[in-house]
Amino acid sequence: MTEEIDLTKETGSCGANAPAVVLMRKWLETGGNREIKVLATPGAQEDQVEMWAQAMKEQGVKIVSKEKVDGKVTYLIYLP
């Protein structure tokens, strides 16, 4: 089963609740070699998820898929 992170429930867009921090924390807590499902709002959260994935590309992080459904952006992200 793919683990899910719902960023749409986060209250802040910076600091400890920033999407990049939430994703990095999840990666460090659970380890890699897995895919996670990430739900984000279009706009700022979407941009932050994509910037984080791009910044972590050299470490092997990649966006496997992205789709927009019901006002949310759903990503499947591979964590090495």
Protein backbone atom coordinates (compact mmCIF):
# COMPACT_ATOMS: atom_id res chain seq x y z
CA MET A 1 0.00 0.00 0.00
CA THR A 2 1.27 3.44 -0.93
CA GLU A 3 1.52 5.86 1.96
CA GLU A 4 -0.28 9.19 1.55
CA ILE A 5 0.62 12.72 2.61
CA ASP A 6 -2.21 15.24 2.40
CA LEU A 7 -0.61 18.67 2.28
CA THR A 8 -4.02 20.30 1.77
CA LYS A 9 -4.65 19.85 5.51
CA GLU A 10 -1.48 21.74 6.48
CA THR A 11 -2.08 25.21 7.91
CA GLY A 12 1.07 26.99 6.78
CA SER A 13 3.05 27.39 3.61
CA CYS A 14 6.35 28.18 5.30
CA GLY A 15 8.28 27.08 8.35
CA ALA A 16 7.72 23.64 9.88
CA ASN A 17 4.53 23.05 7.85
CA ALA A 18 6.02 23.95 4.47
CA PRO A 19 5.51 21.20 1.87
CA ALA A 20 9.27 20.74 1.39
CA VAL A 21 9.80 20.28 5.13
CA VAL A 22 6.88 17.85 5.44
CA LEU A 23 8.17 15.78 2.50
CA MET A 24 11.76 15.75 3.79
CA ARG A 25 10.61 14.77 7.29
CA LYS A 26 8.53 11.89 5.90
CA TRP A 27 11.48 10.68 3.80
CA LEU A 28 13.82 10.77 6.80
CA GLU A 29 11.32 9.14 9.19
CA THR A 30 10.20 6.28 6.94
CA GLY A 31 13.23 5.72 4.76
CA GLY A 32 13.38 5.35 1.04
CA ASN A 33 12.97 2.81 -1.73
CA ARG A 34 9.24 3.50 -1.83
CA GLU A 35 6.59 5.55 -3.56
CA ILE A 36 4.37 7.98 -1.69
CA LYS A 37 1.15 9.66 -2.76
CA VAL A 38 1.11 13.40 -2.13
CA LEU A 39 -2.01 15.58 -2.29
CA ALA A 40 -1.44 19.31 -2.77
CA THR A 41 -3.49 22.37 -3.63
CA PRO A 42 -2.94 23.93 -7.06
CA GLY A 43 -0.68 26.94 -6.99
CA ALA A 44 1.77 27.48 -4.13
CA GLN A 45 1.76 23.92 -2.71
CA GLU A 46 1.98 22.46 -6.21
CA ASP A 47 4.98 24.67 -7.01
CA GLN A 48 6.69 23.83 -3.72
CA VAL A 49 6.29 20.07 -4.23
CA GLU A 50 7.76 20.34 -7.72
CA MET A 51 10.65 22.55 -6.58
CA TRP A 52 11.46 20.11 -3.77
CA ALA A 53 11.41 17.14 -6.16
CA GLN A 54 13.65 19.03 -8.59
CA ALA A 55 16.08 19.98 -5.79
CA MET A 56 16.24 16.34 -4.61
CA LYS A 57 16.59 14.94 -8.15
CA GLU A 58 20.33 14.27 -7.73
CA GLN A 59 19.50 12.13 -4.67
CA GLY A 60 17.14 10.04 -6.83
CA VAL A 61 13.76 11.58 -5.96
CA LYS A 62 11.41 11.68 -8.94
CA ILE A 63 7.81 12.50 -9.71
CA VAL A 64 6.35 9.30 -11.17
CA SER A 65 2.96 10.79 -12.00
CA LYS A 66 0.91 13.94 -11.54
CA GLU A 67 -2.80 14.49 -12.05
CA LYS A 68 -5.32 17.16 -11.16
CA VAL A 69 -8.62 15.85 -9.76
CA ASP A 70 -11.37 17.58 -7.76
CA GLY A 71 -9.37 20.74 -7.12
CA LYS A 72 -6.32 18.86 -5.82
CA VAL A 73 -3.04 17.87 -7.42
CA THR A 74 -2.14 14.22 -6.80
CA TYR A 75 1.49 13.18 -7.12
CA LEU A 76 3.11 9.78 -6.96
CA ILE A 77 6.69 10.44 -5.86
CA TYR A 78 9.53 7.91 -5.68
CA LEU A 79 11.83 8.27 -2.66
CA PRO A 80 15.14 6.39 -3.09
